[in-house]
Amino acid sequence: MLTPKERVKTACAHREPDRVPLQGYFTPEIWRQLEQHFAGRNVLEALGIDLRGVHGRWQGPKRTGPADFYDLWGVGYRAVQNEFGTYHEACDLALARLQTMDQVQAYDWPDPAAWDFSDLSEQCARVADYAICFAGAGTPDIVNGVSRGRGMEQVLADIMTGDEVGVAIIDRRVAFEYEYCRRGLEAAGGKIDILCLGEDCGTQNGRLFSERVFREFFVPRLKPFIDLAHEHGALAMLHSCGDTHEIMPIFIEMGLDILDAMQPEPAGMNPERIKRDFGDRLTFCGLVSTQQTLPHGTAEEVRAEVRHRKTVIGKGGGYILSPAHCIQPDTPLENVLALYEEALGRPL
């Protein structure tokens, strides 16, 4: 039997491992249900998850203001509750108040030197048998990340018009996140297996930007992260929601190894089609529906979808079985358990 690390690396080398590797993404509400269900057991171990995350520790100043809490960029958030769960929504959009280059220069930007990586190597040692992941879907996360502080419409306009102020804000974020990754990878000394990145490049109905805009604006900002991962012996994984099939050839040109948060619902994201067209050059992570099957299907429908993914999409490697995104609070726990029981081929 392979170790989890060996299992993930085998699949990412497009060879079929002893079983399909597993990943998991959960909202806090689902996580609490799993903790209660497993009654003191390690949830990730119980579910057979093959990847583990390590991270730096922020030692810089904590920002305050009238909102519930603030992020590193000075953006404030408040808790918004619906009938199923609680979400933190941006309400104090500090970056939207930057209107001139002088204001951009004068802004109190976070300092990447305030990250502490002194125990990162020790964190890696504790999970040495697993595929070790560093950073995440918020790195650099240009569109979503900056939109939380500036507004989605404004950020899209900034990109399309090349607005000097908007692009300068974007590049501040990209430079900060790159430095975070560089310092962390160096501190880990080659123990990181996967550098996790994020940039939502698609919508439910197709790509978010034209191929030209993606090549001209995003590739120069994203490819250095992929190159950095490879320089440190790590694979590069990019989280992207939505339909990205039209720009998957560009992902491949950039050297991307793993495409994460793969949604099966958009018309262009048929799992068998993308496996046929790109599965020999990209490893896919996701493809278990968090929009339909998990929240609204029966446990047997979940099992059927998982069986298809692990036997058809996982054939020959190149696949990490996972929910397509964080499992939402309106999902029955029975369905969550059915996903992992079917994937593992045993009861939990």
Protein backbone atom coordinates (compact mmCIF):
# COMPACT_ATOMS: atom_id res chain seq x y z
CA MET A 1 0.00 0.00 0.00
CA LEU A 2 1.25 3.46 -0.89
CA THR A 3 1.61 6.26 1.62
CA PRO A 4 -0.71 9.23 1.02
CA LYS A 5 2.24 11.24 -0.34
CA GLU A 6 3.20 8.45 -2.74
CA ARG A 7 -0.44 8.04 -3.78
CA VAL A 8 -0.82 11.71 -4.71
CA LYS A 9 2.53 11.88 -6.48
CA THR A 10 1.76 8.74 -8.46
CA ALA A 11 -1.59 10.14 -9.61
CA CYS A 12 -0.01 13.49 -10.52
CA ALA A 13 2.59 11.63 -12.58
CA HIS A 14 -0.36 10.23 -14.57
CA ARG A 15 0.08 6.73 -13.27
CA GLU A 16 -2.69 4.85 -11.51
CA PRO A 17 -2.07 4.48 -7.75
CA ASP A 18 -3.41 1.81 -5.38
CA ARG A 19 -6.58 3.90 -4.98
CA VAL A 20 -7.67 7.32 -6.12
CA PRO A 21 -6.23 10.08 -3.85
CA LEU A 22 -8.77 12.03 -1.78
CA GLN A 23 -9.09 15.70 -0.87
CA GLY A 24 -11.80 17.47 1.12
CA TYR A 25 -13.22 20.99 1.35
CA PHE A 26 -15.75 21.75 4.09
CA THR A 27 -17.62 24.74 5.46
CA PRO A 28 -17.32 25.18 9.26
CA GLU A 29 -20.86 23.87 9.74
CA ILE A 30 -20.08 20.61 7.92
CA TRP A 31 -16.75 20.30 9.73
CA ARG A 32 -18.47 20.52 13.11
CA GLN A 33 -20.90 17.77 12.10
CA LEU A 34 -18.00 15.56 11.06
CA GLU A 35 -16.21 16.18 14.36
CA GLN A 36 -19.34 15.16 16.24
CA HIS A 37 -19.83 12.09 14.06
CA PHE A 38 -16.28 10.82 14.50
CA ALA A 39 -16.30 11.59 18.23
CA GLY A 40 -12.69 12.47 18.93
CA ARG A 41 -11.12 10.77 15.91
CA ASN A 42 -9.06 12.83 13.49
CA VAL A 43 -11.56 13.80 10.78
CA LEU A 44 -9.05 13.96 7.93
CA GLU A 45 -7.65 10.55 8.81
CA ALA A 46 -11.13 9.06 9.19
CA LEU A 47 -12.11 10.30 5.72
CA GLY A 48 -8.89 9.07 4.11
CA ILE A 49 -7.76 12.54 3.02
CA ASP A 50 -4.30 12.28 1.44
CA LEU A 51 -3.24 15.95 1.56
CA ARG A 52 -2.29 18.17 4.51
CA GLY A 53 -1.69 21.90 4.74
CA VAL A 54 1.09 23.86 6.46
CA HIS A 55 1.24 27.62 6.85
CA GLY A 56 3.12 30.63 8.14
CA ARG A 57 2.08 32.64 11.18
CA TRP A 58 1.22 36.32 10.82
CA GLN A 59 3.16 38.44 13.30
CA GLY A 60 2.22 41.80 11.86
CA PRO A 61 -0.29 44.30 13.23
CA LYS A 62 -3.96 43.36 13.49
CA ARG A 63 -6.24 45.95 11.93
CA THR A 64 -9.37 47.15 13.68
CA GLY A 65 -12.42 49.24 12.88
CA PRO A 66 -16.21 49.21 12.95
CA ALA A 67 -16.54 45.88 11.10
CA ASP A 68 -16.52 42.48 12.85
CA PHE A 69 -12.92 41.86 11.77
CA TYR A 70 -10.32 43.03 9.24
CA ASP A 71 -7.92 41.21 6.95
CA LEU A 72 -4.29 42.06 6.22
CA TRP A 73 -5.33 44.51 3.51
CA GLY A 74 -7.51 46.64 5.78
CA VAL A 75 -10.77 45.24 4.41
CA GLY A 76 -13.53 44.81 6.99
CA TYR A 77 -16.02 41.93 7.14
CA ARG A 78 -19.30 41.20 8.86
CA ALA A 79 -21.04 37.90 9.53
CA VAL A 80 -24.08 37.31 7.32
CA GLN A 81 -26.35 34.41 8.17
CA ASN A 82 -28.87 32.59 6.01
CA GLU A 83 -31.07 29.63 6.93
CA PHE A 84 -28.19 27.17 6.61
CA GLY A 85 -24.94 28.84 7.62
CA THR A 86 -22.87 31.95 8.27
CA TYR A 87 -20.65 33.66 5.71
CA HIS A 88 -18.25 36.57 6.14
CA GLU A 89 -18.93 39.32 3.61
CA ALA A 90 -16.77 42.36 2.93
CA CYS A 91 -18.45 45.53 4.19
CA ASP A 92 -15.60 48.05 4.61
CA LEU A 93 -13.97 48.23 1.17
CA ALA A 94 -10.76 50.07 2.01
CA LEU A 95 -9.17 49.61 -1.42
CA ALA A 96 -12.15 51.26 -3.12
CA ARG A 97 -11.16 54.49 -1.41
CA LEU A 98 -7.84 54.57 -3.26
CA GLN A 99 -8.41 56.87 -6.22
CA THR A 100 -4.93 58.20 -7.07
CA MET A 101 -1.41 56.83 -7.32
CA ASP A 102 -0.40 59.05 -4.39
CA GLN A 103 -3.02 57.30 -2.26
CA VAL A 104 -1.75 53.91 -3.42
CA GLN A 105 1.79 54.88 -2.44
CA ALA A 106 0.69 56.20 0.95
CA TYR A 107 -1.52 53.23 1.86
CA ASP A 108 -0.50 51.01 4.77
CA TRP A 109 0.26 47.86 2.80
CA PRO A 110 1.06 44.65 4.71
CA ASP A 111 4.72 43.65 4.92
CA PRO A 112 5.51 40.07 3.85
CA ALA A 113 8.45 40.10 6.27
CA ALA A 114 5.88 39.91 9.09
CA TRP A 115 5.20 36.25 8.27
CA ASP A 116 6.90 33.83 10.63
CA PHE A 117 8.03 30.54 9.10
CA SER A 118 10.27 29.41 11.94
CA ASP A 119 8.25 26.25 12.64
CA LEU A 120 7.31 25.44 9.05
CA SER A 121 9.86 22.65 8.74
CA GLU A 122 8.52 21.14 11.98
CA GLN A 123 4.96 21.37 10.65
CA CYS A 124 6.08 19.47 7.56
CA ALA A 125 7.76 16.79 9.66
CA ARG A 126 4.51 16.11 11.53
CA VAL A 127 2.70 15.29 8.28
CA ALA A 128 5.63 13.85 6.37
CA ASP A 129 3.67 10.85 5.04
CA TYR A 130 1.06 13.07 3.40
CA ALA A 131 1.16 15.29 0.31
CA ILE A 132 2.15 18.58 1.95
CA CYS A 133 0.40 21.68 0.64
CA PHE A 134 1.39 25.31 1.18
CA ALA A 135 -0.49 28.58 0.48
CA GLY A 136 -4.04 28.24 -0.89
CA ALA A 137 -6.87 29.38 -3.12
CA GLY A 138 -6.34 32.98 -1.96
CA THR A 139 -2.88 33.14 -3.53
CA PRO A 140 -2.74 35.41 -5.46
CA ASP A 141 -6.50 35.37 -6.14
CA ILE A 142 -6.45 38.59 -8.15
CA VAL A 143 -10.12 38.96 -9.06
CA ASN A 144 -11.76 37.73 -5.86
CA GLY A 145 -9.05 38.85 -3.49
CA VAL A 146 -8.91 42.44 -4.70
CA SER A 147 -12.67 42.60 -5.25
CA ARG A 148 -13.30 42.09 -1.56
CA GLY A 149 -11.58 45.39 -0.95
CA ARG A 150 -12.46 47.26 -4.14
CA GLY A 151 -15.66 45.78 -5.57
CA MET A 152 -16.03 43.20 -8.33
CA GLU A 153 -17.25 45.57 -11.05
CA GLN A 154 -14.40 47.97 -10.35
CA VAL A 155 -11.74 45.27 -10.48
CA LEU A 156 -13.06 43.88 -13.76
CA ALA A 157 -13.07 47.41 -15.18
CA ASP A 158 -9.54 47.97 -13.88
CA ILE A 159 -8.30 44.87 -15.68
CA MET A 160 -10.10 45.56 -18.95
CA THR A 161 -9.10 49.25 -19.13
CA GLY A 162 -5.63 48.90 -17.61
CA ASP A 163 -6.54 51.51 -14.99
CA GLU A 164 -3.29 52.71 -13.41
CA VAL A 165 -4.57 52.73 -9.83
CA GLY A 166 -6.43 49.44 -10.08
CA VAL A 167 -3.51 47.62 -11.69
CA ALA A 168 -1.13 49.02 -9.08
CA ILE A 169 -3.36 47.62 -6.31
CA ILE A 170 -3.48 44.25 -8.04
CA ASP A 171 0.28 44.18 -8.41
CA ARG A 172 0.77 45.03 -4.74
CA ARG A 173 -1.25 41.92 -3.88
CA VAL A 174 0.58 39.73 -6.39
CA ALA A 175 4.00 40.85 -5.12
CA PHE A 176 3.00 40.24 -1.50
CA GLU A 177 1.65 36.76 -2.20
CA TYR A 178 4.68 35.84 -4.29
CA GLU A 179 6.98 36.84 -1.45
CA TYR A 180 4.89 34.80 1.00
CA CYS A 181 5.30 31.75 -1.22
CA ARG A 182 9.01 32.32 -1.80
CA ARG A 183 9.81 32.71 1.89
CA GLY A 184 7.69 29.72 2.86
CA LEU A 185 9.14 27.40 0.23
CA GLU A 186 12.65 28.38 1.22
CA ALA A 187 11.92 27.87 4.91
CA ALA A 188 10.48 24.41 4.25
CA GLY A 189 13.69 23.31 2.54
CA GLY A 190 12.14 21.17 -0.17
CA LYS A 191 9.50 19.52 2.03
CA ILE A 192 6.51 21.14 0.29
CA ASP A 193 4.91 18.86 -2.29
CA ILE A 194 2.23 21.20 -3.69
CA LEU A 195 2.11 24.98 -3.89
CA CYS A 196 -1.59 25.85 -3.83
CA LEU A 197 -2.72 28.86 -5.85
CA GLY A 198 -6.05 30.37 -6.79
CA GLU A 199 -7.60 32.45 -9.55
CA ASP A 200 -11.23 32.06 -10.60
CA CYS A 201 -10.97 32.06 -14.39
CA GLY A 202 -14.44 30.84 -15.29
CA THR A 203 -18.13 31.39 -14.75
CA GLN A 204 -21.03 28.94 -14.88
CA ASN A 205 -21.39 29.75 -18.58
CA GLY A 206 -17.81 29.99 -19.80
CA ARG A 207 -14.45 31.63 -19.25
CA LEU A 208 -14.37 34.93 -17.34
CA PHE A 209 -11.94 36.66 -19.71
CA SER A 210 -11.03 36.28 -23.35
CA GLU A 211 -7.98 34.25 -24.26
CA ARG A 212 -6.18 37.49 -25.21
CA VAL A 213 -6.85 39.17 -21.86
CA PHE A 214 -5.92 36.04 -19.95
CA ARG A 215 -2.64 35.76 -21.83
CA GLU A 216 -1.76 39.44 -21.57
CA PHE A 217 -2.87 40.17 -18.01
CA PHE A 218 -3.02 36.96 -16.00
CA VAL A 219 -0.27 34.75 -17.41
CA PRO A 220 2.57 37.18 -16.54
CA ARG A 221 1.23 37.40 -12.98
CA LEU A 222 0.44 33.71 -12.42
CA LYS A 223 3.25 31.90 -14.23
CA PRO A 224 5.98 33.14 -11.84
CA PHE A 225 4.19 31.30 -9.01
CA ILE A 226 4.18 28.08 -11.04
CA ASP A 227 7.85 28.51 -11.89
CA LEU A 228 8.61 29.19 -8.22
CA ALA A 229 6.92 25.94 -7.20
CA HIS A 230 8.95 23.97 -9.71
CA GLU A 231 12.19 25.65 -8.62
CA HIS A 232 11.57 24.24 -5.14
CA GLY A 233 10.61 20.76 -6.29
CA ALA A 234 6.88 21.25 -5.74
CA LEU A 235 3.88 20.79 -7.99
CA ALA A 236 1.68 23.80 -8.72
CA MET A 237 -2.08 23.52 -8.15
CA LEU A 238 -4.49 26.25 -9.24
CA HIS A 239 -8.01 26.59 -7.81
CA SER A 240 -10.43 27.92 -10.41
CA CYS A 241 -14.20 27.77 -10.25
CA GLY A 242 -16.36 27.75 -13.35
CA ASP A 243 -15.90 26.65 -16.94
CA THR A 244 -12.22 26.85 -17.90
CA HIS A 245 -12.01 24.26 -20.67
CA GLU A 246 -11.18 26.87 -23.33
CA ILE A 247 -8.11 28.09 -21.47
CA MET A 248 -6.86 24.71 -20.24
CA PRO A 249 -4.29 24.70 -23.08
CA ILE A 250 -2.89 27.94 -21.60
CA PHE A 251 -2.74 26.37 -18.14
CA ILE A 252 -0.70 23.57 -19.70
CA GLU A 253 1.60 26.06 -21.48
CA MET A 254 2.16 27.79 -18.13
CA GLY A 255 3.34 24.49 -16.66
CA LEU A 256 0.40 24.00 -14.30
CA ASP A 257 0.30 20.53 -12.76
CA ILE A 258 -3.09 20.33 -10.99
CA LEU A 259 -6.37 22.14 -11.70
CA ASP A 260 -8.46 22.28 -8.55
CA ALA A 261 -12.12 22.90 -7.66
CA MET A 262 -13.26 21.35 -10.92
CA GLN A 263 -17.01 21.91 -11.29
CA PRO A 264 -18.85 19.25 -13.33
CA GLU A 265 -22.01 21.34 -13.91
CA PRO A 266 -20.92 23.87 -16.60
CA ALA A 267 -21.52 22.68 -20.16
CA GLY A 268 -17.83 22.78 -21.07
CA MET A 269 -16.72 20.84 -18.00
CA ASN A 270 -18.07 17.38 -18.83
CA PRO A 271 -15.68 15.16 -16.84
CA GLU A 272 -15.16 12.55 -19.56
CA ARG A 273 -14.55 15.21 -22.20
CA ILE A 274 -11.94 17.14 -20.23
CA LYS A 275 -10.27 13.88 -19.20
CA ARG A 276 -10.05 12.88 -22.87
CA ASP A 277 -8.79 16.26 -24.06
CA PHE A 278 -6.45 17.30 -21.25
CA GLY A 279 -6.15 14.45 -18.74
CA ASP A 280 -2.72 13.34 -19.97
CA ARG A 281 -1.24 16.77 -19.18
CA LEU A 282 -3.29 18.10 -16.26
CA THR A 283 -4.26 16.41 -13.03
CA PHE A 284 -7.84 17.24 -12.03
CA CYS A 285 -9.04 17.71 -8.46
CA GLY A 286 -12.76 17.94 -7.71
CA LEU A 287 -15.64 16.92 -10.01
CA VAL A 288 -18.01 15.68 -7.28
CA SER A 289 -20.92 18.09 -7.54
CA THR A 290 -21.44 20.48 -4.62
CA GLN A 291 -24.22 22.29 -6.50
CA GLN A 292 -26.49 19.35 -7.21
CA THR A 293 -25.55 15.81 -6.21
CA LEU A 294 -24.17 16.37 -2.71
CA PRO A 295 -26.82 18.79 -1.41
CA HIS A 296 -29.84 17.55 -3.37
CA GLY A 297 -29.15 13.95 -4.41
CA THR A 298 -29.68 10.74 -2.50
CA ALA A 299 -26.81 8.89 -0.86
CA GLU A 300 -26.93 6.33 -3.66
CA GLU A 301 -26.73 9.08 -6.30
CA VAL A 302 -23.65 10.42 -4.52
CA ARG A 303 -22.14 6.93 -4.51
CA ALA A 304 -22.87 6.49 -8.22
CA GLU A 305 -21.15 9.78 -9.07
CA VAL A 306 -18.14 8.88 -6.96
CA ARG A 307 -17.90 5.43 -8.58
CA HIS A 308 -17.84 7.06 -11.99
CA ARG A 309 -15.19 9.57 -10.99
CA LYS A 310 -12.81 7.09 -9.42
CA THR A 311 -13.15 4.36 -12.07
CA VAL A 312 -13.49 6.44 -15.25
CA ILE A 313 -11.81 9.79 -14.52
CA GLY A 314 -9.26 8.21 -12.18
CA LYS A 315 -8.28 5.52 -14.66
CA GLY A 316 -4.60 5.83 -15.47
CA GLY A 317 -4.03 8.47 -12.79
CA GLY A 318 -4.27 12.22 -13.21
CA TYR A 319 -7.15 12.64 -10.75
CA ILE A 320 -7.65 13.57 -7.10
CA LEU A 321 -11.21 12.82 -6.04
CA SER A 322 -12.78 15.69 -4.12
CA PRO A 323 -15.92 17.74 -3.74
CA ALA A 324 -15.88 20.49 -6.34
CA HIS A 325 -15.81 23.17 -3.64
CA CYS A 326 -16.47 23.54 0.08
CA ILE A 327 -19.39 21.29 0.99
CA GLN A 328 -22.19 23.66 1.94
CA PRO A 329 -24.22 23.57 5.19
CA ASP A 330 -27.41 22.40 3.45
CA THR A 331 -25.75 19.09 2.53
CA PRO A 332 -26.94 16.01 4.47
CA LEU A 333 -24.16 14.45 6.52
CA GLU A 334 -25.25 11.08 5.09
CA ASN A 335 -24.20 12.27 1.65
CA VAL A 336 -20.81 13.51 2.86
CA LEU A 337 -20.12 10.14 4.43
CA ALA A 338 -21.37 8.34 1.31
CA LEU A 339 -18.81 10.25 -0.78
CA TYR A 340 -15.84 9.05 1.24
CA GLU A 341 -17.16 5.56 1.95
CA GLU A 342 -17.59 4.95 -1.76
CA ALA A 343 -14.20 6.44 -2.56
CA LEU A 344 -12.48 4.26 0.05
CA GLY A 345 -14.59 1.19 -0.64
CA ARG A 346 -15.36 0.65 3.04
CA PRO A 347 -17.67 1.96 5.76
CA LEU A 348 -16.53 4.84 7.92
